[in-house]
Amino acid sequence: SIFSIATMAWYRQAPGKQRESVATV
């Protein structure tokens, strides 16, 4: 029930690389 108050984000991780932030809302 907390979705509406949460910040949502997409991250990605390519092989051999660190996870990185892609987009945030």
mmCIF file of all heavy atoms, coordinates in Angstrom:
data_MODEL
# 
_entry.id   MODEL 
# 
loop_
_atom_site.group_PDB 
_atom_site.id 
_atom_site.type_symbol 
_atom_site.label_atom_id 
_atom_site.label_alt_id 
_atom_site.label_comp_id 
_atom_site.label_asym_id 
_atom_site.label_entity_id 
_atom_site.label_seq_id 
_atom_site.pdbx_PDB_ins_code 
_atom_site.Cartn_x 
_atom_site.Cartn_y 
_atom_site.Cartn_z 
_atom_site.occupancy 
_atom_site.B_iso_or_equiv 
_atom_site.pdbx_formal_charge 
_atom_site.auth_seq_id 
_atom_site.auth_comp_id 
_atom_site.auth_asym_id 
_atom_site.auth_atom_id 
_atom_site.pdbx_PDB_model_num 
ATOM 1   N N   . SER A 1 1  ? 0.799  -1.229 0.000   1.00 0.00 ? 1  SER A N   1 
ATOM 2   C CA  . SER A 1 1  ? 0.000  0.000  0.000   1.00 0.00 ? 1  SER A CA  1 
ATOM 3   C C   . SER A 1 1  ? 0.829  1.274  0.000   1.00 0.00 ? 1  SER A C   1 
ATOM 4   O O   . SER A 1 1  ? 0.285  2.366  0.165   1.00 0.00 ? 1  SER A O   1 
ATOM 5   C CB  . SER A 1 1  ? -0.932 0.004  1.216   1.00 0.00 ? 1  SER A CB  1 
ATOM 6   O OG  . SER A 1 1  ? -0.161 -0.077 2.407   1.00 0.00 ? 1  SER A OG  1 
ATOM 7   N N   . ILE A 1 2  ? 2.132  1.153  -0.205  1.00 0.00 ? 2  ILE A N   1 
ATOM 8   C CA  . ILE A 1 2  ? 2.978  2.347  -0.093  1.00 0.00 ? 2  ILE A CA  1 
ATOM 9   C C   . ILE A 1 2  ? 3.424  2.891  -1.432  1.00 0.00 ? 2  ILE A C   1 
ATOM 10  O O   . ILE A 1 2  ? 4.183  3.855  -1.498  1.00 0.00 ? 2  ILE A O   1 
ATOM 11  C CB  . ILE A 1 2  ? 4.228  2.064  0.769   1.00 0.00 ? 2  ILE A CB  1 
ATOM 12  C CG1 . ILE A 1 2  ? 5.115  0.986  0.116   1.00 0.00 ? 2  ILE A CG1 1 
ATOM 13  C CG2 . ILE A 1 2  ? 3.817  1.675  2.179   1.00 0.00 ? 2  ILE A CG2 1 
ATOM 14  C CD1 . ILE A 1 2  ? 6.441  0.804  0.817   1.00 0.00 ? 2  ILE A CD1 1 
ATOM 15  N N   . PHE A 1 3  ? 2.946  2.269  -2.523  1.00 0.00 ? 3  PHE A N   1 
ATOM 16  C CA  . PHE A 1 3  ? 3.441  2.661  -3.838  1.00 0.00 ? 3  PHE A CA  1 
ATOM 17  C C   . PHE A 1 3  ? 3.269  4.151  -4.078  1.00 0.00 ? 3  PHE A C   1 
ATOM 18  O O   . PHE A 1 3  ? 4.177  4.816  -4.565  1.00 0.00 ? 3  PHE A O   1 
ATOM 19  C CB  . PHE A 1 3  ? 2.706  1.863  -4.914  1.00 0.00 ? 3  PHE A CB  1 
ATOM 20  C CG  . PHE A 1 3  ? 3.153  2.192  -6.320  1.00 0.00 ? 3  PHE A CG  1 
ATOM 21  C CD1 . PHE A 1 3  ? 4.244  1.544  -6.879  1.00 0.00 ? 3  PHE A CD1 1 
ATOM 22  C CD2 . PHE A 1 3  ? 2.495  3.160  -7.079  1.00 0.00 ? 3  PHE A CD2 1 
ATOM 23  C CE1 . PHE A 1 3  ? 4.667  1.839  -8.168  1.00 0.00 ? 3  PHE A CE1 1 
ATOM 24  C CE2 . PHE A 1 3  ? 2.905  3.463  -8.358  1.00 0.00 ? 3  PHE A CE2 1 
ATOM 25  C CZ  . PHE A 1 3  ? 3.998  2.807  -8.901  1.00 0.00 ? 3  PHE A CZ  1 
ATOM 26  N N   . SER A 1 4  ? 2.111  4.697  -3.737  1.00 0.00 ? 4  SER A N   1 
ATOM 27  C CA  . SER A 1 4  ? 1.815  6.084  -4.099  1.00 0.00 ? 4  SER A CA  1 
ATOM 28  C C   . SER A 1 4  ? 2.711  7.105  -3.397  1.00 0.00 ? 4  SER A C   1 
ATOM 29  O O   . SER A 1 4  ? 2.865  8.225  -3.880  1.00 0.00 ? 4  SER A O   1 
ATOM 30  C CB  . SER A 1 4  ? 0.349  6.406  -3.808  1.00 0.00 ? 4  SER A CB  1 
ATOM 31  O OG  . SER A 1 4  ? 0.097  6.312  -2.412  1.00 0.00 ? 4  SER A OG  1 
ATOM 32  N N   . ILE A 1 5  ? 3.318  6.711  -2.292  1.00 0.00 ? 5  ILE A N   1 
ATOM 33  C CA  . ILE A 1 5  ? 4.183  7.643  -1.567  1.00 0.00 ? 5  ILE A CA  1 
ATOM 34  C C   . ILE A 1 5  ? 5.660  7.358  -1.809  1.00 0.00 ? 5  ILE A C   1 
ATOM 35  O O   . ILE A 1 5  ? 6.522  8.040  -1.262  1.00 0.00 ? 5  ILE A O   1 
ATOM 36  C CB  . ILE A 1 5  ? 3.909  7.623  -0.054  1.00 0.00 ? 5  ILE A CB  1 
ATOM 37  C CG1 . ILE A 1 5  ? 4.249  6.261  0.551   1.00 0.00 ? 5  ILE A CG1 1 
ATOM 38  C CG2 . ILE A 1 5  ? 2.453  8.013  0.232   1.00 0.00 ? 5  ILE A CG2 1 
ATOM 39  C CD1 . ILE A 1 5  ? 4.226  6.247  2.066   1.00 0.00 ? 5  ILE A CD1 1 
ATOM 40  N N   . ALA A 1 6  ? 5.931  6.359  -2.615  1.00 0.00 ? 6  ALA A N   1 
ATOM 41  C CA  . ALA A 1 6  ? 7.315  5.923  -2.815  1.00 0.00 ? 6  ALA A CA  1 
ATOM 42  C C   . ALA A 1 6  ? 7.930  6.574  -4.049  1.00 0.00 ? 6  ALA A C   1 
ATOM 43  O O   . ALA A 1 6  ? 7.239  6.906  -5.008  1.00 0.00 ? 6  ALA A O   1 
ATOM 44  C CB  . ALA A 1 6  ? 7.362  4.409  -2.967  1.00 0.00 ? 6  ALA A CB  1 
ATOM 45  N N   . THR A 1 7  ? 9.234  6.741  -3.984  1.00 0.00 ? 7  THR A N   1 
ATOM 46  C CA  . THR A 1 7  ? 10.016 7.069  -5.169  1.00 0.00 ? 7  THR A CA  1 
ATOM 47  C C   . THR A 1 7  ? 10.325 5.762  -5.892  1.00 0.00 ? 7  THR A C   1 
ATOM 48  O O   . THR A 1 7  ? 10.759 4.798  -5.265  1.00 0.00 ? 7  THR A O   1 
ATOM 49  C CB  . THR A 1 7  ? 11.309 7.788  -4.796  1.00 0.00 ? 7  THR A CB  1 
ATOM 50  O OG1 . THR A 1 7  ? 10.990 9.081  -4.275  1.00 0.00 ? 7  THR A OG1 1 
ATOM 51  C CG2 . THR A 1 7  ? 12.222 7.943  -5.996  1.00 0.00 ? 7  THR A CG2 1 
ATOM 52  N N   . MET A 1 8  ? 10.083 5.755  -7.187  1.00 0.00 ? 8  MET A N   1 
ATOM 53  C CA  . MET A 1 8  ? 10.329 4.572  -7.992  1.00 0.00 ? 8  MET A CA  1 
ATOM 54  C C   . MET A 1 8  ? 11.489 4.831  -8.946  1.00 0.00 ? 8  MET A C   1 
ATOM 55  O O   . MET A 1 8  ? 11.673 5.953  -9.425  1.00 0.00 ? 8  MET A O   1 
ATOM 56  C CB  . MET A 1 8  ? 9.086  4.198  -8.802  1.00 0.00 ? 8  MET A CB  1 
ATOM 57  C CG  . MET A 1 8  ? 7.865  3.897  -7.969  1.00 0.00 ? 8  MET A CG  1 
ATOM 58  S SD  . MET A 1 8  ? 8.099  2.508  -6.846  1.00 0.00 ? 8  MET A SD  1 
ATOM 59  C CE  . MET A 1 8  ? 8.444  1.186  -8.017  1.00 0.00 ? 8  MET A CE  1 
ATOM 60  N N   . ALA A 1 9  ? 12.245 3.802  -9.216  1.00 0.00 ? 9  ALA A N   1 
ATOM 61  C CA  . ALA A 1 9  ? 13.406 3.971  -10.081 1.00 0.00 ? 9  ALA A CA  1 
ATOM 62  C C   . ALA A 1 9  ? 13.658 2.700  -10.881 1.00 0.00 ? 9  ALA A C   1 
ATOM 63  O O   . ALA A 1 9  ? 13.245 1.604  -10.488 1.00 0.00 ? 9  ALA A O   1 
ATOM 64  C CB  . ALA A 1 9  ? 14.640 4.323  -9.256  1.00 0.00 ? 9  ALA A CB  1 
ATOM 65  N N   . TRP A 1 10 ? 14.333 2.888  -11.982 1.00 0.00 ? 10 TRP A N   1 
ATOM 66  C CA  . TRP A 1 10 ? 14.859 1.775  -12.778 1.00 0.00 ? 10 TRP A CA  1 
ATOM 67  C C   . TRP A 1 10 ? 16.383 1.866  -12.747 1.00 0.00 ? 10 TRP A C   1 
ATOM 68  O O   . TRP A 1 10 ? 16.956 2.945  -12.936 1.00 0.00 ? 10 TRP A O   1 
ATOM 69  C CB  . TRP A 1 10 ? 14.368 1.841  -14.208 1.00 0.00 ? 10 TRP A CB  1 
ATOM 70  C CG  . TRP A 1 10 ? 12.931 1.475  -14.379 1.00 0.00 ? 10 TRP A CG  1 
ATOM 71  C CD1 . TRP A 1 10 ? 11.859 2.324  -14.439 1.00 0.00 ? 10 TRP A CD1 1 
ATOM 72  C CD2 . TRP A 1 10 ? 12.404 0.155  -14.515 1.00 0.00 ? 10 TRP A CD2 1 
ATOM 73  N NE1 . TRP A 1 10 ? 10.709 1.612  -14.592 1.00 0.00 ? 10 TRP A NE1 1 
ATOM 74  C CE2 . TRP A 1 10 ? 11.009 0.273  -14.641 1.00 0.00 ? 10 TRP A CE2 1 
ATOM 75  C CE3 . TRP A 1 10 ? 12.970 -1.118 -14.540 1.00 0.00 ? 10 TRP A CE3 1 
ATOM 76  C CZ2 . TRP A 1 10 ? 10.174 -0.834 -14.802 1.00 0.00 ? 10 TRP A CZ2 1 
ATOM 77  C CZ3 . TRP A 1 10 ? 12.141 -2.219 -14.690 1.00 0.00 ? 10 TRP A CZ3 1 
ATOM 78  C CH2 . TRP A 1 10 ? 10.750 -2.069 -14.823 1.00 0.00 ? 10 TRP A CH2 1 
ATOM 79  N N   . TYR A 1 11 ? 16.988 0.728  -12.500 1.00 0.00 ? 11 TYR A N   1 
ATOM 80  C CA  . TYR A 1 11 ? 18.432 0.584  -12.568 1.00 0.00 ? 11 TYR A CA  1 
ATOM 81  C C   . TYR A 1 11 ? 18.740 -0.465 -13.634 1.00 0.00 ? 11 TYR A C   1 
ATOM 82  O O   . TYR A 1 11 ? 17.870 -1.223 -14.048 1.00 0.00 ? 11 TYR A O   1 
ATOM 83  C CB  . TYR A 1 11 ? 18.998 0.095  -11.232 1.00 0.00 ? 11 TYR A CB  1 
ATOM 84  C CG  . TYR A 1 11 ? 19.085 1.140  -10.158 1.00 0.00 ? 11 TYR A CG  1 
ATOM 85  C CD1 . TYR A 1 11 ? 17.939 1.628  -9.545  1.00 0.00 ? 11 TYR A CD1 1 
ATOM 86  C CD2 . TYR A 1 11 ? 20.321 1.619  -9.734  1.00 0.00 ? 11 TYR A CD2 1 
ATOM 87  C CE1 . TYR A 1 11 ? 18.025 2.590  -8.543  1.00 0.00 ? 11 TYR A CE1 1 
ATOM 88  C CE2 . TYR A 1 11 ? 20.424 2.571  -8.735  1.00 0.00 ? 11 TYR A CE2 1 
ATOM 89  C CZ  . TYR A 1 11 ? 19.268 3.047  -8.137  1.00 0.00 ? 11 TYR A CZ  1 
ATOM 90  O OH  . TYR A 1 11 ? 19.351 3.992  -7.149  1.00 0.00 ? 11 TYR A OH  1 
ATOM 91  N N   . ARG A 1 12 ? 19.990 -0.526 -14.037 1.00 0.00 ? 12 ARG A N   1 
ATOM 92  C CA  . ARG A 1 12 ? 20.420 -1.606 -14.924 1.00 0.00 ? 12 ARG A CA  1 
ATOM 93  C C   . ARG A 1 12 ? 21.833 -2.032 -14.563 1.00 0.00 ? 12 ARG A C   1 
ATOM 94  O O   . ARG A 1 12 ? 22.611 -1.249 -14.007 1.00 0.00 ? 12 ARG A O   1 
ATOM 95  C CB  . ARG A 1 12 ? 20.345 -1.184 -16.395 1.00 0.00 ? 12 ARG A CB  1 
ATOM 96  C CG  . ARG A 1 12 ? 21.334 -0.095 -16.808 1.00 0.00 ? 12 ARG A CG  1 
ATOM 97  C CD  . ARG A 1 12 ? 21.074 0.318  -18.241 1.00 0.00 ? 12 ARG A CD  1 
ATOM 98  N NE  . ARG A 1 12 ? 21.999 1.352  -18.688 1.00 0.00 ? 12 ARG A NE  1 
ATOM 99  C CZ  . ARG A 1 12 ? 21.904 1.984  -19.851 1.00 0.00 ? 12 ARG A CZ  1 
ATOM 100 N NH1 . ARG A 1 12 ? 20.907 1.688  -20.703 1.00 0.00 ? 12 ARG A NH1 1 
ATOM 101 N NH2 . ARG A 1 12 ? 22.790 2.909  -20.190 1.00 0.00 ? 12 ARG A NH2 1 
ATOM 102 N N   . GLN A 1 13 ? 22.118 -3.273 -14.898 1.00 0.00 ? 13 GLN A N   1 
ATOM 103 C CA  . GLN A 1 13 ? 23.448 -3.821 -14.651 1.00 0.00 ? 13 GLN A CA  1 
ATOM 104 C C   . GLN A 1 13 ? 23.859 -4.669 -15.839 1.00 0.00 ? 13 GLN A C   1 
ATOM 105 O O   . GLN A 1 13 ? 23.215 -5.692 -16.128 1.00 0.00 ? 13 GLN A O   1 
ATOM 106 C CB  . GLN A 1 13 ? 23.479 -4.642 -13.359 1.00 0.00 ? 13 GLN A CB  1 
ATOM 107 C CG  . GLN A 1 13 ? 24.864 -5.075 -12.963 1.00 0.00 ? 13 GLN A CG  1 
ATOM 108 C CD  . GLN A 1 13 ? 24.926 -5.594 -11.545 1.00 0.00 ? 13 GLN A CD  1 
ATOM 109 O OE1 . GLN A 1 13 ? 23.908 -5.968 -10.953 1.00 0.00 ? 13 GLN A OE1 1 
ATOM 110 N NE2 . GLN A 1 13 ? 26.114 -5.609 -10.966 1.00 0.00 ? 13 GLN A NE2 1 
ATOM 111 N N   . ALA A 1 14 ? 24.907 -4.241 -16.495 1.00 0.00 ? 14 ALA A N   1 
ATOM 112 C CA  . ALA A 1 14 ? 25.469 -4.996 -17.612 1.00 0.00 ? 14 ALA A CA  1 
ATOM 113 C C   . ALA A 1 14 ? 26.536 -5.939 -17.071 1.00 0.00 ? 14 ALA A C   1 
ATOM 114 O O   . ALA A 1 14 ? 27.097 -5.704 -15.996 1.00 0.00 ? 14 ALA A O   1 
ATOM 115 C CB  . ALA A 1 14 ? 26.066 -4.034 -18.632 1.00 0.00 ? 14 ALA A CB  1 
ATOM 116 N N   . PRO A 1 15 ? 26.840 -7.007 -17.808 1.00 0.00 ? 15 PRO A N   1 
ATOM 117 C CA  . PRO A 1 15 ? 27.854 -7.966 -17.343 1.00 0.00 ? 15 PRO A CA  1 
ATOM 118 C C   . PRO A 1 15 ? 29.178 -7.281 -17.056 1.00 0.00 ? 15 PRO A C   1 
ATOM 119 O O   . PRO A 1 15 ? 29.678 -6.492 -17.872 1.00 0.00 ? 15 PRO A O   1 
ATOM 120 C CB  . PRO A 1 15 ? 27.971 -8.930 -18.524 1.00 0.00 ? 15 PRO A CB  1 
ATOM 121 C CG  . PRO A 1 15 ? 26.649 -8.860 -19.204 1.00 0.00 ? 15 PRO A CG  1 
ATOM 122 C CD  . PRO A 1 15 ? 26.211 -7.438 -19.063 1.00 0.00 ? 15 PRO A CD  1 
ATOM 123 N N   . GLY A 1 16 ? 29.720 -7.541 -15.886 1.00 0.00 ? 16 GLY A N   1 
ATOM 124 C CA  . GLY A 1 16 ? 31.005 -6.989 -15.511 1.00 0.00 ? 16 GLY A CA  1 
ATOM 125 C C   . GLY A 1 16 ? 30.982 -5.536 -15.098 1.00 0.00 ? 16 GLY A C   1 
ATOM 126 O O   . GLY A 1 16 ? 32.035 -4.940 -14.853 1.00 0.00 ? 16 GLY A O   1 
ATOM 127 N N   . LYS A 1 17 ? 29.795 -4.962 -15.005 1.00 0.00 ? 17 LYS A N   1 
ATOM 128 C CA  . LYS A 1 17 ? 29.689 -3.549 -14.637 1.00 0.00 ? 17 LYS A CA  1 
ATOM 129 C C   . LYS A 1 17 ? 28.843 -3.391 -13.381 1.00 0.00 ? 17 LYS A C   1 
ATOM 130 O O   . LYS A 1 17 ? 28.078 -4.274 -13.003 1.00 0.00 ? 17 LYS A O   1 
ATOM 131 C CB  . LYS A 1 17 ? 29.083 -2.746 -15.785 1.00 0.00 ? 17 LYS A CB  1 
ATOM 132 C CG  . LYS A 1 17 ? 29.953 -2.683 -17.024 1.00 0.00 ? 17 LYS A CG  1 
ATOM 133 C CD  . LYS A 1 17 ? 29.374 -1.719 -18.046 1.00 0.00 ? 17 LYS A CD  1 
ATOM 134 C CE  . LYS A 1 17 ? 30.279 -1.587 -19.257 1.00 0.00 ? 17 LYS A CE  1 
ATOM 135 N NZ  . LYS A 1 17 ? 29.732 -0.623 -20.259 1.00 0.00 ? 17 LYS A NZ  1 
ATOM 136 N N   . GLN A 1 18 ? 29.003 -2.236 -12.745 1.00 0.00 ? 18 GLN A N   1 
ATOM 137 C CA  . GLN A 1 18 ? 28.202 -1.936 -11.565 1.00 0.00 ? 18 GLN A CA  1 
ATOM 138 C C   . GLN A 1 18 ? 26.774 -1.579 -11.965 1.00 0.00 ? 18 GLN A C   1 
ATOM 139 O O   . GLN A 1 18 ? 26.525 -1.087 -13.066 1.00 0.00 ? 18 GLN A O   1 
ATOM 140 C CB  . GLN A 1 18 ? 28.826 -0.776 -10.792 1.00 0.00 ? 18 GLN A CB  1 
ATOM 141 C CG  . GLN A 1 18 ? 30.121 -1.132 -10.077 1.00 0.00 ? 18 GLN A CG  1 
ATOM 142 C CD  . GLN A 1 18 ? 30.585 -0.025 -9.154  1.00 0.00 ? 18 GLN A CD  1 
ATOM 143 O OE1 . GLN A 1 18 ? 30.336 1.140  -9.412  1.00 0.00 ? 18 GLN A OE1 1 
ATOM 144 N NE2 . GLN A 1 18 ? 31.239 -0.400 -8.072  1.00 0.00 ? 18 GLN A NE2 1 
ATOM 145 N N   . ARG A 1 19 ? 25.871 -1.797 -11.032 1.00 0.00 ? 19 ARG A N   1 
ATOM 146 C CA  . ARG A 1 19 ? 24.481 -1.388 -11.257 1.00 0.00 ? 19 ARG A CA  1 
ATOM 147 C C   . ARG A 1 19 ? 24.431 0.140  -11.305 1.00 0.00 ? 19 ARG A C   1 
ATOM 148 O O   . ARG A 1 19 ? 25.039 0.812  -10.481 1.00 0.00 ? 19 ARG A O   1 
ATOM 149 C CB  . ARG A 1 19 ? 23.593 -1.925 -10.137 1.00 0.00 ? 19 ARG A CB  1 
ATOM 150 C CG  . ARG A 1 19 ? 22.106 -1.780 -10.392 1.00 0.00 ? 19 ARG A CG  1 
ATOM 151 C CD  . ARG A 1 19 ? 21.282 -2.486 -9.321  1.00 0.00 ? 19 ARG A CD  1 
ATOM 152 N NE  . ARG A 1 19 ? 21.499 -3.932 -9.335  1.00 0.00 ? 19 ARG A NE  1 
ATOM 153 C CZ  . ARG A 1 19 ? 20.769 -4.793 -8.626  1.00 0.00 ? 19 ARG A CZ  1 
ATOM 154 N NH1 . ARG A 1 19 ? 19.759 -4.340 -7.873  1.00 0.00 ? 19 ARG A NH1 1 
ATOM 155 N NH2 . ARG A 1 19 ? 21.035 -6.083 -8.671  1.00 0.00 ? 19 ARG A NH2 1 
ATOM 156 N N   . GLU A 1 20 ? 23.688 0.658  -12.254 1.00 0.00 ? 20 GLU A N   1 
ATOM 157 C CA  . GLU A 1 20 ? 23.598 2.109  -12.403 1.00 0.00 ? 20 GLU A CA  1 
ATOM 158 C C   . GLU A 1 20 ? 22.141 2.562  -12.486 1.00 0.00 ? 20 GLU A C   1 
ATOM 159 O O   . GLU A 1 20 ? 21.282 1.839  -12.999 1.00 0.00 ? 20 GLU A O   1 
ATOM 160 C CB  . GLU A 1 20 ? 24.337 2.575  -13.667 1.00 0.00 ? 20 GLU A CB  1 
ATOM 161 C CG  . GLU A 1 20 ? 23.786 2.030  -14.966 1.00 0.00 ? 20 GLU A CG  1 
ATOM 162 C CD  . GLU A 1 20 ? 24.450 2.618  -16.200 1.00 0.00 ? 20 GLU A CD  1 
ATOM 163 O OE1 . GLU A 1 20 ? 25.245 3.565  -16.066 1.00 0.00 ? 20 GLU A OE1 1 
ATOM 164 O OE2 . GLU A 1 20 ? 24.154 2.139  -17.308 1.00 0.00 ? 20 GLU A OE2 1 
ATOM 165 N N   . SER A 1 21 ? 21.899 3.744  -11.977 1.00 0.00 ? 21 SER A N   1 
ATOM 166 C CA  . SER A 1 21 ? 20.559 4.319  -12.047 1.00 0.00 ? 21 SER A CA  1 
ATOM 167 C C   . SER A 1 21 ? 20.270 4.784  -13.468 1.00 0.00 ? 21 SER A C   1 
ATOM 168 O O   . SER A 1 21 ? 21.116 5.397  -14.118 1.00 0.00 ? 21 SER A O   1 
ATOM 169 C CB  . SER A 1 21 ? 20.454 5.494  -11.071 1.00 0.00 ? 21 SER A CB  1 
ATOM 170 O OG  . SER A 1 21 ? 19.202 6.124  -11.206 1.00 0.00 ? 21 SER A OG  1 
ATOM 171 N N   . VAL A 1 22 ? 19.081 4.466  -13.930 1.00 0.00 ? 22 VAL A N   1 
ATOM 172 C CA  . VAL A 1 22 ? 18.663 4.844  -15.276 1.00 0.00 ? 22 VAL A CA  1 
ATOM 173 C C   . VAL A 1 22 ? 17.652 5.979  -15.233 1.00 0.00 ? 22 VAL A C   1 
ATOM 174 O O   . VAL A 1 22 ? 17.795 6.971  -15.941 1.00 0.00 ? 22 VAL A O   1 
ATOM 175 C CB  . VAL A 1 22 ? 18.054 3.624  -15.999 1.00 0.00 ? 22 VAL A CB  1 
ATOM 176 C CG1 . VAL A 1 22 ? 17.464 4.030  -17.336 1.00 0.00 ? 22 VAL A CG1 1 
ATOM 177 C CG2 . VAL A 1 22 ? 19.096 2.539  -16.180 1.00 0.00 ? 22 VAL A CG2 1 
ATOM 178 N N   . ALA A 1 23 ? 16.628 5.824  -14.416 1.00 0.00 ? 23 ALA A N   1 
ATOM 179 C CA  . ALA A 1 23 ? 15.563 6.827  -14.361 1.00 0.00 ? 23 ALA A CA  1 
ATOM 180 C C   . ALA A 1 23 ? 14.849 6.735  -13.017 1.00 0.00 ? 23 ALA A C   1 
ATOM 181 O O   . ALA A 1 23 ? 14.751 5.642  -12.444 1.00 0.00 ? 23 ALA A O   1 
ATOM 182 C CB  . ALA A 1 23 ? 14.561 6.623  -15.487 1.00 0.00 ? 23 ALA A CB  1 
ATOM 183 N N   . THR A 1 24 ? 14.357 7.875  -12.561 1.00 0.00 ? 24 THR A N   1 
ATOM 184 C CA  . THR A 1 24 ? 13.674 7.965  -11.273 1.00 0.00 ? 24 THR A CA  1 
ATOM 185 C C   . THR A 1 24 ? 12.424 8.825  -11.409 1.00 0.00 ? 24 THR A C   1 
ATOM 186 O O   . THR A 1 24 ? 12.446 9.824  -12.139 1.00 0.00 ? 24 THR A O   1 
ATOM 187 C CB  . THR A 1 24 ? 14.593 8.588  -10.216 1.00 0.00 ? 24 THR A CB  1 
ATOM 188 O OG1 . THR A 1 24 ? 15.783 7.809  -10.114 1.00 0.00 ? 24 THR A OG1 1 
ATOM 189 C CG2 . THR A 1 24 ? 13.923 8.638  -8.859  1.00 0.00 ? 24 THR A CG2 1 
ATOM 190 N N   . VAL A 1 25 ? 11.380 8.426  -10.708 1.00 0.00 ? 25 VAL A N   1 
ATOM 191 C CA  . VAL A 1 25 ? 10.176 9.264  -10.628 1.00 0.00 ? 25 VAL A CA  1 
ATOM 192 C C   . VAL A 1 25 ? 9.733  9.325  -9.176  1.00 0.00 ? 25 VAL A C   1 
ATOM 193 O O   . VAL A 1 25 ? 9.591  8.298  -8.508  1.00 0.00 ? 25 VAL A O   1 
ATOM 194 C CB  . VAL A 1 25 ? 9.057  8.736  -11.552 1.00 0.00 ? 25 VAL A CB  1 
ATOM 195 C CG1 . VAL A 1 25 ? 8.656  7.308  -11.221 1.00 0.00 ? 25 VAL A CG1 1 
ATOM 196 C CG2 . VAL A 1 25 ? 7.856  9.665  -11.522 1.00 0.00 ? 25 VAL A CG2 1 
# 
